[in-house]
């Protein structure tokens, strides 16, 4: 089973990138009020937010408890795990977690599709707020990190990488149950329209 999951993850990574015009595109539309490194991080976070939300909507409600093996997270748990990181890790760069938030047990707190999606979206709003509020002057501040040292710049990089890993995992899960990622479906439809509109050659 784990071998199959690795293959699916690889497919998710090597499939062609879809047209960003069909989805959120901060590289074109910008990140108002944020510039420099924080803008680059925010752009990635905005794209991750869009893809997570669209994928979460595409997964049927009865598949939210599905998992490829007993010892790995379900769909709901992956989405809530990412949400928990968004709520929890940005406190390291100055934005406290929401009132009443508890990391322990959070990813198992619900399997209800609507609640999971609402939480996912809210957690990314929290992330965007944290990145926007953080001063550029704090980027090089040092802090203790897994027995060593890191900077707040490094924390932003870590949180972004963490979400990207789980987005790939979610894509692999979706493919396994027969759900095509919505942005890939968009690209396929665009390609079909272009092919149909192309003049026929004799």
N, C-alpha and C. Protein backbone atom coordinates (compact mmCIF):
# COMPACT_ATOMS: atom_id res chain seq x y z
N UNK A 1 0.82 -1.21 0.00
CA UNK A 1 0.00 0.00 0.00
C UNK A 1 0.86 1.26 0.00
N UNK A 2 1.93 1.26 0.80
CA UNK A 2 2.80 2.43 0.85
C UNK A 2 3.50 2.65 -0.49
N UNK A 3 3.81 1.52 -1.19
CA UNK A 3 4.42 1.63 -2.52
C UNK A 3 3.50 2.33 -3.49
N UNK A 4 2.21 2.01 -3.42
CA UNK A 4 1.21 2.64 -4.28
C UNK A 4 1.12 4.13 -3.98
N UNK A 5 1.16 4.48 -2.69
CA UNK A 5 1.08 5.88 -2.29
C UNK A 5 2.25 6.67 -2.84
N UNK A 6 3.45 6.07 -2.81
CA UNK A 6 4.64 6.75 -3.35
C UNK A 6 4.49 7.00 -4.84
N UNK A 7 3.96 6.02 -5.56
CA UNK A 7 3.76 6.17 -7.00
C UNK A 7 2.78 7.30 -7.28
N UNK A 8 1.69 7.35 -6.51
CA UNK A 8 0.70 8.40 -6.69
C UNK A 8 1.27 9.77 -6.40
N UNK A 9 2.10 9.86 -5.37
CA UNK A 9 2.75 11.13 -5.04
C UNK A 9 3.65 11.58 -6.18
N UNK A 10 4.37 10.63 -6.76
CA UNK A 10 5.26 10.94 -7.88
C UNK A 10 4.46 11.45 -9.07
N UNK A 11 3.34 10.80 -9.36
CA UNK A 11 2.49 11.24 -10.46
C UNK A 11 1.97 12.65 -10.23
N UNK A 12 1.62 12.95 -8.97
CA UNK A 12 1.12 14.28 -8.65
C UNK A 12 2.17 15.34 -8.92
N UNK A 13 3.44 14.97 -8.72
CA UNK A 13 4.51 15.93 -8.91
C UNK A 13 4.91 16.11 -10.36
N UNK A 14 4.80 15.06 -11.16
CA UNK A 14 5.30 15.16 -12.53
C UNK A 14 4.22 15.52 -13.55
N UNK A 15 2.96 15.52 -13.16
CA UNK A 15 1.91 15.91 -14.10
C UNK A 15 2.08 17.38 -14.48
N UNK A 16 1.71 17.76 -15.70
CA UNK A 16 1.90 19.15 -16.13
C UNK A 16 1.19 20.14 -15.21
N UNK A 17 1.82 21.29 -15.03
CA UNK A 17 1.23 22.35 -14.23
C UNK A 17 0.11 22.98 -15.03
N UNK A 18 -1.03 23.19 -14.40
CA UNK A 18 -2.16 23.75 -15.12
C UNK A 18 -2.02 25.26 -15.27
N UNK A 19 -2.84 25.82 -16.13
CA UNK A 19 -2.85 27.25 -16.40
C UNK A 19 -3.29 28.01 -15.15
N UNK A 20 -2.40 28.89 -14.64
CA UNK A 20 -2.72 29.63 -13.42
C UNK A 20 -3.87 30.61 -13.63
N UNK A 21 -4.21 30.91 -14.90
CA UNK A 21 -5.31 31.83 -15.14
C UNK A 21 -6.64 31.26 -14.65
N UNK A 22 -6.72 29.94 -14.48
CA UNK A 22 -7.96 29.30 -14.07
C UNK A 22 -8.13 29.31 -12.56
N UNK A 23 -7.15 29.82 -11.85
CA UNK A 23 -7.21 29.79 -10.39
C UNK A 23 -6.54 31.03 -9.82
N UNK A 24 -6.34 31.05 -8.52
CA UNK A 24 -5.67 32.17 -7.87
C UNK A 24 -4.27 32.32 -8.45
N UNK A 25 -3.90 33.54 -8.83
CA UNK A 25 -2.58 33.78 -9.41
C UNK A 25 -1.95 35.05 -8.84
N UNK A 26 -1.37 34.96 -7.65
CA UNK A 26 -0.75 36.14 -7.04
C UNK A 26 0.47 36.64 -7.80
N UNK A 27 1.05 35.81 -8.66
CA UNK A 27 2.19 36.26 -9.46
C UNK A 27 1.75 37.29 -10.49
N UNK A 28 0.48 37.19 -10.89
CA UNK A 28 -0.09 38.17 -11.82
C UNK A 28 -0.83 39.28 -11.07
N UNK A 29 -1.64 38.89 -10.09
CA UNK A 29 -2.51 39.84 -9.40
C UNK A 29 -1.82 40.55 -8.24
N UNK A 30 -0.68 40.01 -7.79
CA UNK A 30 0.07 40.64 -6.72
C UNK A 30 -0.39 40.27 -5.32
N UNK A 31 0.34 40.77 -4.34
CA UNK A 31 0.03 40.57 -2.92
C UNK A 31 0.00 41.96 -2.27
N UNK A 32 -1.11 42.67 -2.41
CA UNK A 32 -1.19 44.06 -1.94
C UNK A 32 -0.77 44.22 -0.48
N UNK A 33 0.06 45.23 -0.24
CA UNK A 33 0.50 45.54 1.11
C UNK A 33 1.68 44.73 1.60
N UNK A 34 2.14 43.78 0.80
CA UNK A 34 3.27 42.93 1.20
C UNK A 34 4.27 42.89 0.05
N UNK A 35 5.54 43.02 0.39
CA UNK A 35 6.57 42.99 -0.65
C UNK A 35 7.74 42.11 -0.21
N UNK A 36 8.71 41.95 -1.11
CA UNK A 36 9.92 41.21 -0.77
C UNK A 36 9.66 39.74 -0.48
N UNK A 37 10.44 39.21 0.46
CA UNK A 37 10.36 37.79 0.79
C UNK A 37 8.98 37.41 1.30
N UNK A 38 8.36 38.26 2.11
CA UNK A 38 7.03 37.94 2.63
C UNK A 38 6.01 37.83 1.50
N UNK A 39 6.17 38.63 0.46
CA UNK A 39 5.28 38.55 -0.69
C UNK A 39 5.45 37.21 -1.40
N UNK A 40 6.68 36.75 -1.52
CA UNK A 40 6.94 35.46 -2.17
C UNK A 40 6.31 34.31 -1.38
N UNK A 41 6.44 34.38 -0.05
CA UNK A 41 5.82 33.35 0.80
C UNK A 41 4.31 33.43 0.71
N UNK A 42 3.79 34.65 0.78
CA UNK A 42 2.33 34.83 0.74
C UNK A 42 1.75 34.32 -0.57
N UNK A 43 2.46 34.52 -1.67
CA UNK A 43 1.99 34.02 -2.96
C UNK A 43 1.82 32.51 -2.93
N UNK A 44 2.80 31.82 -2.38
CA UNK A 44 2.72 30.35 -2.29
C UNK A 44 1.57 29.93 -1.38
N UNK A 45 1.41 30.63 -0.27
CA UNK A 45 0.34 30.30 0.68
C UNK A 45 -1.02 30.50 0.03
N UNK A 46 -1.18 31.55 -0.75
CA UNK A 46 -2.45 31.82 -1.43
C UNK A 46 -2.79 30.72 -2.44
N UNK A 47 -1.78 30.26 -3.15
CA UNK A 47 -2.00 29.17 -4.12
C UNK A 47 -2.34 27.87 -3.39
N UNK A 48 -1.62 27.60 -2.30
CA UNK A 48 -1.92 26.41 -1.50
C UNK A 48 -3.34 26.47 -0.96
N UNK A 49 -3.73 27.62 -0.46
CA UNK A 49 -5.09 27.80 0.07
C UNK A 49 -6.13 27.47 -1.00
N UNK A 50 -5.95 28.02 -2.19
CA UNK A 50 -6.89 27.79 -3.28
C UNK A 50 -6.97 26.31 -3.64
N UNK A 51 -5.82 25.65 -3.75
CA UNK A 51 -5.81 24.24 -4.13
C UNK A 51 -6.39 23.35 -3.04
N UNK A 52 -6.04 23.62 -1.79
CA UNK A 52 -6.60 22.82 -0.69
C UNK A 52 -8.12 22.97 -0.65
N UNK A 53 -8.61 24.20 -0.77
CA UNK A 53 -10.05 24.43 -0.69
C UNK A 53 -10.79 23.75 -1.84
N UNK A 54 -10.25 23.87 -3.04
CA UNK A 54 -10.90 23.26 -4.20
C UNK A 54 -10.86 21.73 -4.13
N UNK A 55 -9.75 21.19 -3.67
CA UNK A 55 -9.65 19.74 -3.55
C UNK A 55 -10.59 19.22 -2.46
N UNK A 56 -10.63 19.94 -1.34
CA UNK A 56 -11.51 19.54 -0.24
C UNK A 56 -12.97 19.55 -0.68
N UNK A 57 -13.35 20.52 -1.53
CA UNK A 57 -14.71 20.57 -2.05
C UNK A 57 -14.98 19.40 -2.99
N UNK A 58 -13.97 18.99 -3.75
CA UNK A 58 -14.14 17.92 -4.75
C UNK A 58 -14.26 16.53 -4.15
N UNK A 59 -13.69 16.34 -2.95
CA UNK A 59 -13.73 15.03 -2.30
C UNK A 59 -15.13 14.79 -1.72
N UNK A 60 -15.78 13.68 -2.05
CA UNK A 60 -17.12 13.40 -1.51
C UNK A 60 -17.09 13.32 0.02
N UNK A 61 -18.17 13.76 0.64
CA UNK A 61 -18.26 13.78 2.10
C UNK A 61 -18.03 12.41 2.72
N UNK A 62 -18.51 11.35 2.04
CA UNK A 62 -18.37 10.02 2.61
C UNK A 62 -16.94 9.47 2.49
N UNK A 63 -16.05 10.24 1.84
CA UNK A 63 -14.66 9.82 1.73
C UNK A 63 -13.75 10.56 2.72
N UNK A 64 -14.32 11.41 3.54
CA UNK A 64 -13.49 12.18 4.47
C UNK A 64 -12.83 11.31 5.53
N UNK A 65 -13.38 10.13 5.77
CA UNK A 65 -12.77 9.20 6.73
C UNK A 65 -11.87 8.18 6.04
N UNK A 66 -11.77 8.26 4.70
CA UNK A 66 -10.95 7.30 3.95
C UNK A 66 -9.47 7.55 4.19
N UNK A 67 -8.74 6.45 4.31
CA UNK A 67 -7.28 6.51 4.43
C UNK A 67 -6.71 5.33 3.67
N UNK A 68 -5.51 5.47 3.06
CA UNK A 68 -4.97 4.38 2.26
C UNK A 68 -4.41 3.23 3.07
N UNK A 69 -4.18 3.45 4.36
CA UNK A 69 -3.66 2.41 5.25
C UNK A 69 -4.04 2.78 6.67
N UNK A 70 -4.11 1.80 7.58
CA UNK A 70 -4.57 2.08 8.95
C UNK A 70 -3.69 3.06 9.72
N UNK A 71 -2.39 3.13 9.38
CA UNK A 71 -1.47 3.93 10.19
C UNK A 71 -1.18 5.31 9.60
N UNK A 72 -2.01 5.77 8.68
CA UNK A 72 -1.83 7.11 8.12
C UNK A 72 -3.11 7.93 8.27
N UNK A 73 -2.99 9.24 8.07
CA UNK A 73 -4.13 10.13 8.27
C UNK A 73 -5.20 9.94 7.19
N UNK A 74 -6.43 10.20 7.57
CA UNK A 74 -7.55 10.22 6.63
C UNK A 74 -7.58 11.58 5.92
N UNK A 75 -8.47 11.72 4.93
CA UNK A 75 -8.64 13.02 4.28
C UNK A 75 -8.89 14.12 5.32
N UNK A 76 -9.88 13.91 6.18
CA UNK A 76 -10.22 14.93 7.17
C UNK A 76 -9.03 15.25 8.05
N UNK A 77 -8.30 14.23 8.46
CA UNK A 77 -7.16 14.44 9.35
C UNK A 77 -6.03 15.20 8.67
N UNK A 78 -5.81 14.94 7.38
CA UNK A 78 -4.78 15.70 6.65
C UNK A 78 -5.17 17.17 6.58
N UNK A 79 -6.41 17.43 6.19
CA UNK A 79 -6.86 18.82 6.07
C UNK A 79 -6.79 19.55 7.42
N UNK A 80 -7.18 18.86 8.48
CA UNK A 80 -7.16 19.50 9.80
C UNK A 80 -5.74 19.60 10.36
N UNK A 81 -4.87 18.69 9.96
CA UNK A 81 -3.46 18.77 10.35
C UNK A 81 -2.81 20.03 9.76
N UNK A 82 -3.11 20.30 8.50
CA UNK A 82 -2.61 21.51 7.85
C UNK A 82 -3.21 22.75 8.53
N UNK A 83 -4.48 22.68 8.86
CA UNK A 83 -5.14 23.80 9.55
C UNK A 83 -4.49 24.05 10.90
N UNK A 84 -4.19 22.99 11.62
CA UNK A 84 -3.57 23.12 12.94
C UNK A 84 -2.20 23.80 12.83
N UNK A 85 -1.44 23.44 11.81
CA UNK A 85 -0.13 24.07 11.60
C UNK A 85 -0.30 25.55 11.31
N UNK A 86 -1.29 25.89 10.48
CA UNK A 86 -1.54 27.31 10.19
C UNK A 86 -1.91 28.09 11.44
N UNK A 87 -2.70 27.49 12.29
CA UNK A 87 -3.10 28.16 13.53
C UNK A 87 -1.97 28.24 14.54
N UNK A 88 -1.14 27.21 14.57
CA UNK A 88 -0.16 27.08 15.66
C UNK A 88 1.22 27.67 15.35
N UNK A 89 1.74 27.45 14.16
CA UNK A 89 3.14 27.79 13.89
C UNK A 89 3.38 29.28 13.67
N UNK A 90 2.36 30.00 13.24
CA UNK A 90 2.58 31.43 12.99
C UNK A 90 2.72 32.24 14.28
N UNK A 91 2.45 31.62 15.42
CA UNK A 91 2.72 32.32 16.68
C UNK A 91 4.22 32.55 16.84
N UNK A 92 5.04 31.75 16.16
CA UNK A 92 6.49 31.91 16.22
C UNK A 92 6.96 33.17 15.51
N UNK A 93 6.10 33.74 14.64
CA UNK A 93 6.47 34.97 13.96
C UNK A 93 5.58 36.14 14.40
N UNK A 94 4.91 35.96 15.54
CA UNK A 94 4.23 37.09 16.16
C UNK A 94 2.72 37.10 16.18
N UNK A 95 2.07 36.14 15.52
CA UNK A 95 0.60 36.11 15.52
C UNK A 95 0.11 34.94 16.36
N UNK A 96 -0.51 35.23 17.51
CA UNK A 96 -0.96 34.14 18.38
C UNK A 96 -2.03 33.27 17.75
N UNK A 97 -2.13 32.05 18.23
CA UNK A 97 -3.19 31.14 17.78
C UNK A 97 -4.55 31.69 18.18
N UNK A 98 -5.62 31.31 17.47
CA UNK A 98 -6.95 31.78 17.83
C UNK A 98 -7.32 31.37 19.27
N UNK A 99 -8.11 32.18 19.91
CA UNK A 99 -8.55 31.89 21.27
C UNK A 99 -9.26 30.55 21.33
N UNK A 100 -8.85 29.72 22.28
CA UNK A 100 -9.48 28.42 22.47
C UNK A 100 -8.89 27.30 21.63
N UNK A 101 -7.96 27.64 20.74
CA UNK A 101 -7.36 26.61 19.89
C UNK A 101 -6.43 25.71 20.70
N UNK A 102 -6.56 24.40 20.51
CA UNK A 102 -5.69 23.40 21.14
C UNK A 102 -5.18 22.46 20.06
N UNK A 103 -3.86 22.33 19.96
CA UNK A 103 -3.28 21.45 18.95
C UNK A 103 -3.66 19.99 19.21
N UNK A 104 -3.55 19.57 20.46
CA UNK A 104 -3.79 18.17 20.80
C UNK A 104 -5.21 17.75 20.42
N UNK A 105 -5.29 16.72 19.60
CA UNK A 105 -6.58 16.17 19.20
C UNK A 105 -7.30 16.95 18.11
N UNK A 106 -6.70 18.06 17.65
CA UNK A 106 -7.40 18.92 16.70
C UNK A 106 -7.70 18.21 15.38
N UNK A 107 -6.75 17.45 14.89
CA UNK A 107 -6.95 16.84 13.57
C UNK A 107 -7.98 15.71 13.59
N UNK A 108 -8.37 15.28 14.79
CA UNK A 108 -9.41 14.26 14.91
C UNK A 108 -10.73 14.86 15.43
N UNK A 109 -10.81 16.19 15.42
CA UNK A 109 -11.95 16.87 16.05
C UNK A 109 -13.26 16.77 15.26
N UNK A 110 -13.20 16.55 13.95
CA UNK A 110 -14.42 16.40 13.16
C UNK A 110 -14.10 15.69 11.83
N UNK A 111 -15.11 15.04 11.29
CA UNK A 111 -14.99 14.46 9.94
C UNK A 111 -16.08 15.06 9.04
N UNK A 112 -16.79 16.05 9.55
CA UNK A 112 -17.85 16.70 8.78
C UNK A 112 -17.23 17.57 7.69
N UNK A 113 -17.59 17.30 6.44
CA UNK A 113 -16.98 17.99 5.31
C UNK A 113 -17.10 19.50 5.41
N UNK A 114 -18.28 20.00 5.68
CA UNK A 114 -18.49 21.45 5.74
C UNK A 114 -17.64 22.10 6.83
N UNK A 115 -17.55 21.45 7.99
CA UNK A 115 -16.75 21.99 9.09
C UNK A 115 -15.26 21.95 8.76
N UNK A 116 -14.82 20.87 8.15
CA UNK A 116 -13.41 20.75 7.79
C UNK A 116 -13.03 21.84 6.79
N UNK A 117 -13.86 22.05 5.78
CA UNK A 117 -13.56 23.07 4.76
C UNK A 117 -13.56 24.46 5.38
N UNK A 118 -14.53 24.73 6.24
CA UNK A 118 -14.59 26.04 6.90
C UNK A 118 -13.34 26.28 7.74
N UNK A 119 -12.90 25.25 8.44
CA UNK A 119 -11.70 25.35 9.27
C UNK A 119 -10.46 25.56 8.41
N UNK A 120 -10.37 24.82 7.33
CA UNK A 120 -9.23 24.95 6.42
C UNK A 120 -9.13 26.37 5.88
N UNK A 121 -10.24 26.91 5.41
CA UNK A 121 -10.25 28.28 4.87
C UNK A 121 -9.90 29.30 5.95
N UNK A 122 -10.46 29.13 7.13
CA UNK A 122 -10.18 30.06 8.22
C UNK A 122 -8.71 30.02 8.62
N UNK A 123 -8.13 28.83 8.61
CA UNK A 123 -6.72 28.70 9.01
C UNK A 123 -5.79 29.38 8.00
N UNK A 124 -6.15 29.33 6.72
CA UNK A 124 -5.33 30.02 5.72
C UNK A 124 -5.52 31.53 5.81
N UNK A 125 -6.71 31.98 6.19
CA UNK A 125 -6.92 33.41 6.43
C UNK A 125 -6.03 33.86 7.58
N UNK A 126 -5.92 33.02 8.60
CA UNK A 126 -5.04 33.29 9.74
C UNK A 126 -3.59 33.38 9.28
N UNK A 127 -3.19 32.46 8.40
CA UNK A 127 -1.82 32.46 7.89
C UNK A 127 -1.52 33.73 7.10
N UNK A 128 -2.45 34.12 6.23
CA UNK A 128 -2.26 35.33 5.42
C UNK A 128 -2.14 36.56 6.30
N UNK A 129 -2.97 36.61 7.33
CA UNK A 129 -2.93 37.73 8.27
C UNK A 129 -1.58 37.78 8.98
N UNK A 130 -1.08 36.63 9.40
CA UNK A 130 0.20 36.57 10.12
C UNK A 130 1.36 37.04 9.25
N UNK A 131 1.38 36.59 7.99
CA UNK A 131 2.46 36.97 7.08
C UNK A 131 2.40 38.46 6.78
N UNK A 132 1.20 38.97 6.60
CA UNK A 132 1.01 40.39 6.29
C UNK A 132 1.42 41.28 7.47
N UNK A 133 1.11 40.82 8.68
CA UNK A 133 1.39 41.63 9.87
C UNK A 133 2.85 41.60 10.30
N UNK A 134 3.59 40.63 9.86
CA UNK A 134 4.98 40.45 10.29
C UNK A 134 5.89 41.51 9.67
N UNK A 135 6.67 42.23 10.48
CA UNK A 135 7.59 43.23 9.91
C UNK A 135 8.78 42.56 9.20
N UNK A 136 9.22 43.15 8.10
CA UNK A 136 10.40 42.64 7.40
C UNK A 136 11.61 42.60 8.32
N UNK A 137 11.66 43.52 9.26
CA UNK A 137 12.81 43.60 10.17
C UNK A 137 12.94 42.36 11.06
N UNK A 138 11.84 41.60 11.20
CA UNK A 138 11.86 40.42 12.06
C UNK A 138 12.34 39.15 11.33
N UNK A 139 12.48 39.22 10.02
CA UNK A 139 12.80 38.02 9.25
C UNK A 139 14.07 37.32 9.70
N UNK A 140 15.05 38.08 10.10
CA UNK A 140 16.33 37.49 10.49
C UNK A 140 16.46 37.25 11.99
N UNK A 141 15.38 37.46 12.74
CA UNK A 141 15.41 37.17 14.18
C UNK A 141 15.62 35.69 14.40
N UNK A 142 16.47 35.36 15.37
CA UNK A 142 16.80 33.96 15.66
C UNK A 142 15.89 33.41 16.75
N UNK A 143 15.59 32.11 16.67
CA UNK A 143 14.81 31.45 17.71
C UNK A 143 15.24 30.00 17.82
N UNK A 144 14.94 29.40 18.96
CA UNK A 144 15.25 27.99 19.17
C UNK A 144 14.37 27.14 18.25
N UNK A 145 14.96 26.07 17.69
CA UNK A 145 14.22 25.30 16.69
C UNK A 145 14.73 23.87 16.66
N UNK A 146 13.94 22.93 17.16
CA UNK A 146 14.27 21.50 17.12
C UNK A 146 15.69 21.23 17.62
N UNK A 147 16.02 21.81 18.74
CA UNK A 147 17.33 21.58 19.34
C UNK A 147 18.44 22.42 18.75
N UNK A 148 18.11 23.29 17.79
CA UNK A 148 19.10 24.16 17.17
C UNK A 148 18.55 25.56 17.05
N UNK A 149 18.92 26.23 15.98
CA UNK A 149 18.48 27.60 15.76
C UNK A 149 17.87 27.75 14.37
N UNK A 150 16.97 28.70 14.25
CA UNK A 150 16.38 29.04 12.97
C UNK A 150 16.05 30.53 13.01
N UNK A 151 15.66 31.08 11.89
CA UNK A 151 15.20 32.46 11.85
C UNK A 151 13.70 32.47 11.58
N UNK A 152 13.07 33.62 11.77
CA UNK A 152 11.65 33.72 11.45
C UNK A 152 11.44 33.55 9.94
N UNK A 153 12.41 33.95 9.15
CA UNK A 153 12.37 33.69 7.72
C UNK A 153 12.28 32.18 7.46
N UNK A 154 13.09 31.42 8.20
CA UNK A 154 13.10 29.97 8.06
C UNK A 154 11.79 29.34 8.51
N UNK A 155 11.16 29.94 9.51
CA UNK A 155 9.87 29.42 9.97
C UNK A 155 8.82 29.55 8.86
N UNK A 156 8.79 30.70 8.18
CA UNK A 156 7.86 30.88 7.06
C UNK A 156 8.12 29.83 5.97
N UNK A 157 9.39 29.58 5.71
CA UNK A 157 9.74 28.57 4.71
C UNK A 157 9.26 27.19 5.14
N UNK A 158 9.45 26.87 6.42
CA UNK A 158 9.04 25.57 6.94
C UNK A 158 7.53 25.38 6.84
N UNK A 159 6.75 26.38 7.26
CA UNK A 159 5.30 26.25 7.23
C UNK A 159 4.80 26.06 5.81
N UNK A 160 5.41 26.78 4.87
CA UNK A 160 5.01 26.65 3.46
C UNK A 160 5.35 25.27 2.93
N UNK A 161 6.55 24.79 3.25
CA UNK A 161 6.96 23.45 2.80
C UNK A 161 6.07 22.38 3.41
N UNK A 162 5.73 22.54 4.68
CA UNK A 162 4.88 21.58 5.37
C UNK A 162 3.53 21.44 4.66
N UNK A 163 2.91 22.58 4.33
CA UNK A 163 1.62 22.54 3.64
C UNK A 163 1.75 21.92 2.25
N UNK A 164 2.86 22.22 1.57
CA UNK A 164 3.07 21.67 0.23
C UNK A 164 3.18 20.14 0.27
N UNK A 165 3.86 19.63 1.29
CA UNK A 165 3.97 18.17 1.43
C UNK A 165 2.59 17.53 1.56
N UNK A 166 1.75 18.14 2.38
CA UNK A 166 0.42 17.56 2.62
C UNK A 166 -0.54 17.82 1.46
N UNK A 167 -0.28 18.86 0.67
CA UNK A 167 -1.07 19.05 -0.54
C UNK A 167 -0.78 17.90 -1.51
N UNK A 168 0.50 17.56 -1.66
CA UNK A 168 0.86 16.41 -2.49
C UNK A 168 0.24 15.13 -2.00
N UNK A 169 0.23 14.94 -0.68
CA UNK A 169 -0.40 13.77 -0.09
C UNK A 169 -1.89 13.74 -0.42
N UNK A 170 -2.55 14.89 -0.31
CA UNK A 170 -3.99 14.97 -0.57
C UNK A 170 -4.31 14.70 -2.04
N UNK A 171 -3.44 15.17 -2.93
CA UNK A 171 -3.63 14.91 -4.36
C UNK A 171 -3.53 13.41 -4.63
N UNK A 172 -2.54 12.77 -4.01
CA UNK A 172 -2.37 11.32 -4.18
C UNK A 172 -3.60 10.58 -3.66
N UNK A 173 -4.11 10.98 -2.50
CA UNK A 173 -5.33 10.38 -1.96
C UNK A 173 -6.48 10.52 -2.96
N UNK A 174 -6.64 11.75 -3.47
CA UNK A 174 -7.75 12.03 -4.38
C UNK A 174 -7.66 11.15 -5.63
N UNK A 175 -6.48 11.06 -6.20
CA UNK A 175 -6.30 10.22 -7.38
C UNK A 175 -6.65 8.76 -7.09
N UNK A 176 -6.29 8.32 -5.90
CA UNK A 176 -6.53 6.93 -5.51
C UNK A 176 -8.01 6.60 -5.49
N UNK A 177 -8.85 7.58 -5.07
CA UNK A 177 -10.30 7.32 -5.00
C UNK A 177 -11.02 7.78 -6.26
N UNK A 178 -10.25 8.20 -7.28
CA UNK A 178 -10.86 8.57 -8.56
C UNK A 178 -11.26 10.02 -8.70
N UNK A 179 -10.78 10.90 -7.82
CA UNK A 179 -11.08 12.33 -7.91
C UNK A 179 -9.93 13.04 -8.62
N UNK A 180 -10.24 13.69 -9.72
CA UNK A 180 -9.24 14.47 -10.45
C UNK A 180 -9.13 15.85 -9.78
N UNK A 181 -7.93 16.30 -9.44
CA UNK A 181 -7.80 17.65 -8.86
C UNK A 181 -8.46 18.69 -9.76
N UNK A 182 -9.26 19.59 -9.20
CA UNK A 182 -10.03 20.53 -10.02
C UNK A 182 -9.20 21.36 -10.99
N UNK A 183 -7.99 21.76 -10.58
CA UNK A 183 -7.16 22.56 -11.47
C UNK A 183 -6.65 21.74 -12.66
N UNK A 184 -6.46 20.44 -12.45
CA UNK A 184 -6.08 19.56 -13.56
C UNK A 184 -7.27 19.38 -14.50
N UNK A 185 -8.44 19.25 -13.92
CA UNK A 185 -9.67 19.13 -14.72
C UNK A 185 -9.86 20.39 -15.56
N UNK A 186 -9.60 21.56 -14.97
CA UNK A 186 -9.68 22.83 -15.72
C UNK A 186 -8.75 22.81 -16.93
N UNK A 187 -7.51 22.38 -16.68
CA UNK A 187 -6.51 22.35 -17.76
C UNK A 187 -6.91 21.38 -18.86
N UNK A 188 -7.48 20.25 -18.46
CA UNK A 188 -7.93 19.25 -19.45
C UNK A 188 -9.06 19.80 -20.31
N UNK A 189 -9.98 20.53 -19.67
CA UNK A 189 -11.10 21.13 -20.41
C UNK A 189 -10.60 22.19 -21.39
N UNK A 190 -9.63 23.00 -20.92
CA UNK A 190 -9.07 24.04 -21.78
C UNK A 190 -8.38 23.42 -22.99
N UNK A 191 -7.64 22.34 -22.75
CA UNK A 191 -6.94 21.68 -23.83
C UNK A 191 -7.93 21.08 -24.84
N UNK A 192 -9.01 20.51 -24.32
CA UNK A 192 -10.03 19.93 -25.19
C UNK A 192 -10.68 21.01 -26.05
N UNK A 193 -10.96 22.17 -25.45
CA UNK A 193 -11.57 23.27 -26.18
C UNK A 193 -10.63 23.78 -27.28
N UNK A 194 -9.34 23.87 -26.97
CA UNK A 194 -8.36 24.31 -27.96
C UNK A 194 -8.27 23.31 -29.12
N UNK A 195 -8.30 22.03 -28.77
CA UNK A 195 -8.22 20.99 -29.81
C UNK A 195 -9.44 21.03 -30.72
N UNK A 196 -10.62 21.19 -30.10
CA UNK A 196 -11.86 21.24 -30.88
C UNK A 196 -11.96 22.48 -31.74
N UNK A 197 -11.35 23.59 -31.25
CA UNK A 197 -11.43 24.86 -31.98
C UNK A 197 -10.37 24.97 -33.07
N UNK A 198 -9.36 24.13 -32.99
CA UNK A 198 -8.27 24.18 -33.97
C UNK A 198 -8.79 23.78 -35.36
N UNK A 199 -8.33 24.50 -36.39
CA UNK A 199 -8.77 24.15 -37.75
C UNK A 199 -8.31 22.76 -38.16
N UNK A 200 -9.20 22.06 -38.82
CA UNK A 200 -8.87 20.70 -39.26
C UNK A 200 -7.97 20.76 -40.50
N UNK A 201 -6.94 19.96 -40.51
CA UNK A 201 -6.05 19.89 -41.66
C UNK A 201 -6.33 18.61 -42.44
N UNK A 202 -6.28 18.73 -43.77
CA UNK A 202 -6.55 17.56 -44.62
C UNK A 202 -5.28 16.75 -44.84
